[in-house]
Amino acid sequence: MRMRVGILGAGAIGFGMAAFLAQGGHEPVLWSPSGRRTATLAQGAALVAQGEVQGDCVVDVAADCAQAVRDAQVVVLALPAYGHKAALEAAAPHLRADQTVIISSHLSLGALYLSRLMADRGAACPLIVAWGTTLLTASQPGPSEVQVSSVRDRVDATTLPYARLDEGLALCKALFGDRFAARDGLLAIALSNLNPQNHLGIALLNLTRMERAETWVQCQNVTPAVGRIIEALDAERLAIAAALGLRVKTVREHFSQSFHVPQADVSTMNQEMFLHGHRGQGPKTSESRYVLEDVPYGLVPMARLGRMAGCPAHLHEAGIALISAAYGRDFTSANELLPALGLSSQTSLAALSTLAHTGYGH
């Protein structure tokens, strides 16, 4: 069945998803909060996709969030996490119970925040699907171009409420293919997003490259030292999951499933990716989402969850402190979503777990 899909966000991931959906016979609609990223497409230019998704397509561009949401059966949030709160607040007044919202990728319990926005309105909440990572990796060579580096074989997913998991997975399969692995609620998804830990290791040990705006191939520079830090961070994440009785994939499984290389240590897998032609560049600026998104919206919630579970993530906490010192900012207070959730220091892990399965207003 052909579906109209409103995509909130017009960066590389939004462009890549639009091309993927158009290729599959669906009707994507792009909305850029600033309007700048869709200006060329709004003038009638075709979206040109290369790499793992190829072809030209003309996609609709929404003038505002209401237009992107109003006629869509599915709404996809495809923005960095620091844009989630504003985008969810813009979308919530226009969402209906018969729609589905996909958060790609889910960080900092953003699905709970949307649930609370709908409950505060006294409105029935749409089905929310939370992904542990993005469908694909991509870059934007130009204002109407997208280079898709990879399409993932497996994407962790769950729903809010959890009782509608089968329905949410069926819809994802219809839109994006049979590539979704069910996880046990939002806490499992919070523990399944590996970008924050991976990007911390990469950014911390390549920070001067970022500051100097150097051109460097990311996977080539995941050296043994970087790989060991990523695997040590991964061990902390897996320990928190075990303390909560949750099964999540390992970082080695993640790289293998995302980039189609045999499992080995993280550095070896990245060097194999380089040999296979992966030439995705690392950030050319210190003002990168690797830090500005992943530290406050990925590492900070992970560290707090570790404390709640009685399994402190000391290396995560040290990484947050080191990056904060390097940037001269306190990234522990840079997260807009956590304070807006209405959770307090007295919220128990049991209460949070219940919310993560049912949402607000249930």
Protein backbone atom coordinates (compact mmCIF):
# COMPACT_ATOMS: atom_id res chain seq x y z
CA MET A 1 0.00 0.00 0.00
CA ARG A 2 1.34 3.41 -0.99
CA MET A 3 1.78 5.60 2.09
CA ARG A 4 2.34 9.31 2.53
CA VAL A 5 5.18 9.84 5.00
CA GLY A 6 5.95 13.21 6.57
CA ILE A 7 9.68 13.47 7.33
CA LEU A 8 10.52 16.07 9.96
CA GLY A 9 14.10 16.99 9.18
CA ALA A 10 15.95 17.52 5.92
CA GLY A 11 19.52 16.59 6.70
CA ALA A 12 21.36 13.65 5.20
CA ILE A 13 19.20 11.08 7.01
CA GLY A 14 15.96 12.83 6.02
CA PHE A 15 17.09 13.06 2.39
CA GLY A 16 18.21 9.43 2.40
CA MET A 17 14.92 8.21 3.86
CA ALA A 18 12.96 10.27 1.33
CA ALA A 19 14.91 8.68 -1.54
CA PHE A 20 14.51 5.19 -0.05
CA LEU A 21 10.74 5.63 0.40
CA ALA A 22 10.24 7.13 -3.07
CA GLN A 23 12.15 4.20 -4.58
CA GLY A 24 9.75 1.88 -2.74
CA GLY A 25 6.70 3.56 -4.26
CA HIS A 26 5.74 5.69 -1.26
CA GLU A 27 5.14 9.43 -1.05
CA PRO A 28 7.66 11.23 1.19
CA VAL A 29 7.13 14.84 2.26
CA LEU A 30 10.13 16.73 3.62
CA TRP A 31 9.96 19.50 6.20
CA SER A 32 12.97 21.56 7.18
CA PRO A 33 12.45 23.58 10.40
CA SER A 34 14.52 26.44 8.96
CA GLY A 35 13.44 25.94 5.34
CA ARG A 36 17.02 26.27 4.13
CA ARG A 37 17.72 22.60 3.46
CA THR A 38 14.65 22.15 1.26
CA ALA A 39 14.88 25.45 -0.64
CA THR A 40 16.29 23.89 -3.82
CA LEU A 41 13.82 20.98 -3.77
CA ALA A 42 10.94 23.41 -3.20
CA GLN A 43 11.88 25.07 -6.50
CA GLY A 44 11.25 21.79 -8.34
CA ALA A 45 14.71 20.22 -8.35
CA ALA A 46 14.84 16.44 -8.23
CA LEU A 47 16.38 14.70 -5.24
CA VAL A 48 19.38 12.79 -6.60
CA ALA A 49 20.45 9.73 -4.60
CA GLN A 50 23.72 7.86 -5.09
CA GLY A 51 25.42 4.96 -3.36
CA GLU A 52 23.32 2.25 -1.72
CA VAL A 53 20.15 4.06 -2.85
CA GLN A 54 20.24 5.36 -6.42
CA GLY A 55 17.93 7.35 -8.59
CA ASP A 56 16.26 10.72 -9.11
CA CYS A 57 12.89 11.54 -7.62
CA VAL A 58 10.73 14.61 -7.09
CA VAL A 59 9.60 14.84 -3.46
CA ASP A 60 7.02 17.13 -1.92
CA VAL A 61 8.24 19.88 0.40
CA ALA A 62 6.05 21.09 3.25
CA ALA A 63 5.89 24.80 4.03
CA ASP A 64 5.40 24.10 7.72
CA CYS A 65 5.17 21.24 10.18
CA ALA A 66 1.37 21.19 10.09
CA GLN A 67 1.42 20.55 6.34
CA ALA A 68 3.98 17.76 6.73
CA VAL A 69 1.89 16.03 9.39
CA ARG A 70 -1.69 16.69 8.35
CA ASP A 71 -2.16 14.28 5.43
CA ALA A 72 0.49 11.72 6.39
CA GLN A 73 -0.25 8.22 7.57
CA VAL A 74 3.23 8.06 9.07
CA VAL A 75 5.43 10.81 10.50
CA VAL A 76 9.19 10.25 10.83
CA LEU A 77 11.33 12.36 13.14
CA ALA A 78 14.74 12.52 11.43
CA LEU A 79 16.58 15.29 13.24
CA PRO A 80 19.51 15.42 15.66
CA ALA A 81 18.25 14.92 19.22
CA TYR A 82 18.79 18.57 20.12
CA GLY A 83 16.02 19.37 17.63
CA HIS A 84 13.57 16.74 18.89
CA LYS A 85 11.85 18.78 21.59
CA ALA A 86 11.01 21.69 19.29
CA ALA A 87 9.94 19.39 16.44
CA LEU A 88 7.72 17.27 18.68
CA GLU A 89 6.11 20.40 20.09
CA ALA A 90 5.47 21.67 16.56
CA ALA A 91 3.97 18.34 15.45
CA ALA A 92 1.89 17.42 18.53
CA PRO A 93 -1.05 19.82 17.88
CA HIS A 94 -1.56 18.24 14.45
CA LEU A 95 -1.10 14.54 15.27
CA ARG A 96 -4.01 12.10 15.32
CA ALA A 97 -4.51 8.75 17.03
CA ASP A 98 -4.73 6.94 13.67
CA GLN A 99 -1.20 7.98 12.69
CA THR A 100 2.17 6.44 13.52
CA VAL A 101 5.23 8.43 14.57
CA ILE A 102 8.68 6.90 14.02
CA ILE A 103 11.60 8.40 15.96
CA SER A 104 14.85 7.81 14.09
CA SER A 105 16.92 7.44 16.04
CA HIS A 106 15.51 7.53 19.56
CA LEU A 107 17.51 9.28 22.27
CA SER A 108 16.76 10.60 25.75
CA LEU A 109 13.29 9.03 25.99
CA GLY A 110 11.85 11.40 23.40
CA ALA A 111 8.91 9.04 22.79
CA LEU A 112 7.86 9.60 26.40
CA TYR A 113 7.93 13.35 25.84
CA LEU A 114 5.59 13.08 22.85
CA SER A 115 3.31 10.86 24.92
CA ARG A 116 3.24 13.52 27.63
CA LEU A 117 2.52 16.31 25.12
CA MET A 118 -0.49 14.40 23.82
CA ALA A 119 -1.70 13.58 27.35
CA ASP A 120 -1.42 17.24 28.35
CA ARG A 121 -3.64 18.10 25.36
CA GLY A 122 -6.15 15.47 26.41
CA ALA A 123 -5.66 13.88 22.99
CA ALA A 124 -5.20 10.23 22.12
CA CYS A 125 -1.59 9.50 21.30
CA PRO A 126 -0.56 8.05 17.95
CA LEU A 127 1.39 4.82 17.92
CA ILE A 128 5.06 5.72 18.51
CA VAL A 129 7.85 3.57 17.09
CA ALA A 130 11.34 4.13 18.53
CA TRP A 131 14.40 3.00 16.59
CA GLY A 132 17.76 2.34 18.20
CA THR A 133 19.59 3.78 15.20
CA THR A 134 18.94 5.23 11.77
CA LEU A 135 17.84 3.21 8.75
CA LEU A 136 20.90 4.34 6.83
CA THR A 137 24.07 6.39 6.93
CA ALA A 138 24.43 9.24 4.47
CA SER A 139 25.93 12.59 3.59
CA GLN A 140 24.73 15.58 1.55
CA PRO A 141 27.11 16.53 -1.29
CA GLY A 142 24.74 19.29 -2.43
CA PRO A 143 21.38 20.98 -1.74
CA SER A 144 19.44 18.36 -3.71
CA GLU A 145 21.80 15.39 -3.42
CA VAL A 146 22.30 12.55 -0.97
CA GLN A 147 25.09 9.97 -0.87
CA VAL A 148 23.84 6.87 0.97
CA SER A 149 26.84 5.01 2.40
CA SER A 150 24.95 2.06 3.86
CA VAL A 151 21.47 0.69 4.53
CA ARG A 152 21.42 -1.29 7.75
CA ASP A 153 20.49 -4.97 7.76
CA ARG A 154 19.09 -4.70 11.29
CA VAL A 155 17.50 -1.84 13.22
CA ASP A 156 16.39 -2.30 16.83
CA ALA A 157 12.82 -1.10 17.39
CA THR A 158 10.05 -0.96 19.96
CA THR A 159 6.73 0.84 20.38
CA LEU A 160 4.92 3.02 22.85
CA PRO A 161 2.72 1.53 24.09
CA TYR A 162 4.64 -1.72 24.06
CA ALA A 163 1.39 -3.68 23.68
CA ARG A 164 1.22 -2.50 20.04
CA LEU A 165 4.68 -3.84 19.15
CA ASP A 166 3.50 -6.24 16.44
CA GLU A 167 1.52 -3.50 14.73
CA GLY A 168 4.48 -1.11 14.78
CA LEU A 169 6.94 -3.67 13.44
CA ALA A 170 4.54 -4.66 10.64
CA LEU A 171 4.25 -1.05 9.53
CA CYS A 172 8.04 -0.56 9.60
CA LYS A 173 8.45 -3.72 7.51
CA ALA A 174 5.88 -2.50 4.98
CA LEU A 175 7.73 0.80 4.56
CA PHE A 176 11.37 -0.19 4.94
CA GLY A 177 11.64 -3.97 4.53
CA ASP A 178 12.26 -6.90 6.83
CA ARG A 179 15.13 -5.45 8.87
CA PHE A 180 13.69 -4.72 12.33
CA ALA A 181 14.60 -6.49 15.57
CA ALA A 182 12.11 -6.19 18.43
CA ARG A 183 13.37 -4.81 21.75
CA ASP A 184 11.62 -4.90 25.11
CA GLY A 185 10.45 -1.32 25.55
CA LEU A 186 12.01 2.13 25.52
CA LEU A 187 14.66 1.35 28.13
CA ALA A 188 15.99 -1.41 25.89
CA ILE A 189 16.06 1.03 22.98
CA ALA A 190 17.82 3.60 25.17
CA LEU A 191 20.47 0.95 25.70
CA SER A 192 20.56 -0.04 22.02
CA ASN A 193 21.69 3.28 20.50
CA LEU A 194 25.45 2.84 20.16
CA ASN A 195 26.20 6.10 18.38
CA PRO A 196 26.89 8.10 21.56
CA GLN A 197 29.51 5.70 22.92
CA ASN A 198 31.10 5.13 19.51
CA HIS A 199 31.21 8.81 18.67
CA LEU A 200 32.71 9.65 22.06
CA GLY A 201 35.69 7.41 21.39
CA ILE A 202 36.08 8.71 17.84
CA ALA A 203 35.66 12.40 18.73
CA LEU A 204 37.76 12.36 21.89
CA LEU A 205 40.80 10.83 20.19
CA ASN A 206 40.42 12.81 16.95
CA LEU A 207 39.39 16.14 18.45
CA THR A 208 42.30 18.13 17.03
CA ARG A 209 41.40 16.89 13.52
CA MET A 210 37.90 18.25 14.08
CA GLU A 211 39.18 21.59 15.40
CA ARG A 212 41.56 22.01 12.47
CA ALA A 213 38.84 21.14 9.93
CA GLU A 214 40.99 18.35 8.51
CA THR A 215 39.73 15.89 5.92
CA TRP A 216 40.00 12.41 7.41
CA VAL A 217 38.39 9.05 6.81
CA GLN A 218 36.57 8.01 9.96
CA CYS A 219 36.85 4.22 9.88
CA GLN A 220 40.54 4.41 8.96
CA ASN A 221 41.13 6.41 12.14
CA VAL A 222 39.36 3.98 14.44
CA THR A 223 42.78 2.76 15.48
CA PRO A 224 43.36 0.08 18.14
CA ALA A 225 43.35 2.73 20.90
CA VAL A 226 40.02 4.16 19.71
CA GLY A 227 38.60 0.67 19.31
CA ARG A 228 39.58 -0.31 22.85
CA ILE A 229 37.87 2.77 24.31
CA ILE A 230 34.70 2.02 22.34
CA GLU A 231 34.70 -1.60 23.54
CA ALA A 232 35.25 -0.50 27.16
CA LEU A 233 32.30 1.90 26.89
CA ASP A 234 30.29 -0.92 25.34
CA ALA A 235 31.05 -3.18 28.31
CA GLU A 236 29.51 -0.56 30.64
CA ARG A 237 26.38 -0.32 28.47
CA LEU A 238 26.00 -4.11 28.38
CA ALA A 239 26.42 -4.27 32.17
CA ILE A 240 23.57 -1.77 32.65
CA ALA A 241 21.37 -3.81 30.31
CA ALA A 242 22.19 -7.00 32.23
CA ALA A 243 21.35 -5.28 35.52
CA LEU A 244 17.93 -4.42 34.09
CA GLY A 245 17.41 -7.91 32.66
CA LEU A 246 17.51 -6.64 29.06
CA ARG A 247 19.20 -8.15 26.00
CA VAL A 248 20.81 -5.69 23.60
CA LYS A 249 23.26 -6.16 20.76
CA THR A 250 26.99 -5.74 21.25
CA VAL A 251 29.08 -3.12 19.45
CA ARG A 252 30.66 -5.88 17.35
CA GLU A 253 27.22 -7.07 16.25
CA HIS A 254 26.32 -3.46 15.46
CA PHE A 255 29.27 -2.88 13.13
CA SER A 256 28.79 -6.25 11.46
CA GLN A 257 25.07 -5.71 10.82
CA SER A 258 25.43 -2.07 9.80
CA PHE A 259 28.47 -2.29 7.55
CA HIS A 260 28.47 -5.94 6.41
CA VAL A 261 31.88 -6.98 7.79
CA PRO A 262 32.76 -10.11 9.81
CA GLN A 263 32.77 -9.77 13.59
CA ALA A 264 36.16 -9.00 15.11
CA ASP A 265 37.48 -6.33 17.47
CA VAL A 266 36.17 -2.85 16.69
CA SER A 267 39.36 -1.48 15.18
CA THR A 268 39.83 -4.50 12.92
CA MET A 269 36.25 -4.23 11.70
CA ASN A 270 36.72 -0.57 10.88
CA GLN A 271 39.92 -1.26 8.97
CA GLU A 272 38.03 -3.94 7.04
CA MET A 273 35.38 -1.34 6.22
CA PHE A 274 38.12 0.95 4.90
CA LEU A 275 39.50 -1.84 2.71
CA HIS A 276 35.98 -2.44 1.35
CA GLY A 277 35.73 1.16 0.19
CA HIS A 278 34.03 2.95 3.09
CA ARG A 279 35.37 6.50 2.82
CA GLY A 280 32.93 8.39 5.03
CA GLN A 281 34.67 11.42 6.49
CA GLY A 282 34.91 12.26 10.16
CA PRO A 283 33.63 15.62 11.40
CA LYS A 284 35.42 18.71 10.12
CA THR A 285 34.30 20.87 13.01
CA SER A 286 34.23 20.61 16.77
CA GLU A 287 30.61 21.81 16.56
CA SER A 288 29.59 18.31 15.51
CA ARG A 289 26.58 16.24 16.47
CA TYR A 290 29.11 13.65 17.65
CA VAL A 291 29.47 15.90 20.67
CA LEU A 292 26.59 18.39 20.70
CA GLU A 293 23.95 15.68 20.24
CA ASP A 294 25.50 12.49 21.51
CA VAL A 295 27.01 13.72 24.76
CA PRO A 296 23.99 15.46 26.35
CA TYR A 297 21.29 13.33 24.72
CA GLY A 298 23.04 9.95 24.65
CA LEU A 299 25.80 9.69 27.24
CA VAL A 300 24.16 11.75 29.99
CA PRO A 301 20.91 9.69 30.05
CA MET A 302 22.99 6.48 29.87
CA ALA A 303 25.05 7.53 32.89
CA ARG A 304 21.89 8.43 34.84
CA LEU A 305 20.27 5.12 33.96
CA GLY A 306 23.40 3.33 35.14
CA ARG A 307 23.17 5.07 38.51
CA MET A 308 19.46 4.21 38.80
CA ALA A 309 20.24 0.57 38.02
CA GLY A 310 23.01 0.46 40.62
CA CYS A 311 25.58 -0.04 37.87
CA PRO A 312 27.54 3.22 37.54
CA ALA A 313 29.09 3.84 34.12
CA HIS A 314 32.34 5.39 35.29
CA LEU A 315 33.92 5.61 31.84
CA HIS A 316 30.83 7.29 30.41
CA GLU A 317 30.89 9.77 33.27
CA ALA A 318 34.61 10.42 32.75
CA GLY A 319 34.03 10.96 29.04
CA ILE A 320 31.28 13.49 29.74
CA ALA A 321 33.60 15.33 32.15
CA LEU A 322 36.54 15.30 29.70
CA ILE A 323 34.48 16.55 26.76
CA SER A 324 32.87 19.22 28.97
CA ALA A 325 36.35 20.37 30.01
CA ALA A 326 37.61 20.38 26.42
CA TYR A 327 34.65 22.45 25.23
CA GLY A 328 34.36 24.64 28.30
CA ARG A 329 30.70 23.68 28.60
CA ASP A 330 28.67 21.65 31.07
CA PHE A 331 27.09 19.03 28.86
CA THR A 332 25.26 17.47 31.82
CA SER A 333 22.86 20.43 31.76
CA ALA A 334 22.54 20.76 27.96
CA ASN A 335 19.73 18.20 27.57
CA GLU A 336 16.29 19.82 27.02
CA LEU A 337 14.26 16.61 26.95
CA LEU A 338 15.04 15.07 30.33
CA PRO A 339 13.81 18.04 32.41
CA ALA A 340 10.66 18.26 30.26
CA LEU A 341 9.66 14.66 30.99
CA GLY A 342 8.46 15.50 34.47
CA LEU A 343 10.70 12.90 36.07
CA SER A 344 12.33 13.80 39.36
CA SER A 345 15.31 12.55 41.31
CA GLN A 346 12.78 10.54 43.32
CA THR A 347 11.40 8.68 40.30
CA SER A 348 12.05 4.99 40.84
CA LEU A 349 13.42 2.65 38.23
CA ALA A 350 10.18 0.64 38.47
CA ALA A 351 8.07 3.75 37.76
CA LEU A 352 10.29 4.69 34.82
CA SER A 353 10.10 1.16 33.44
CA THR A 354 6.29 1.27 33.58
CA LEU A 355 6.19 4.61 31.77
CA ALA A 356 8.59 3.25 29.16
CA HIS A 357 6.06 0.51 28.35
CA THR A 358 2.77 2.43 28.59
CA GLY A 359 3.53 6.12 28.17
CA TYR A 360 1.62 8.95 29.83
CA GLY A 361 -2.14 9.03 29.85
CA HIS A 362 -2.58 5.23 30.03
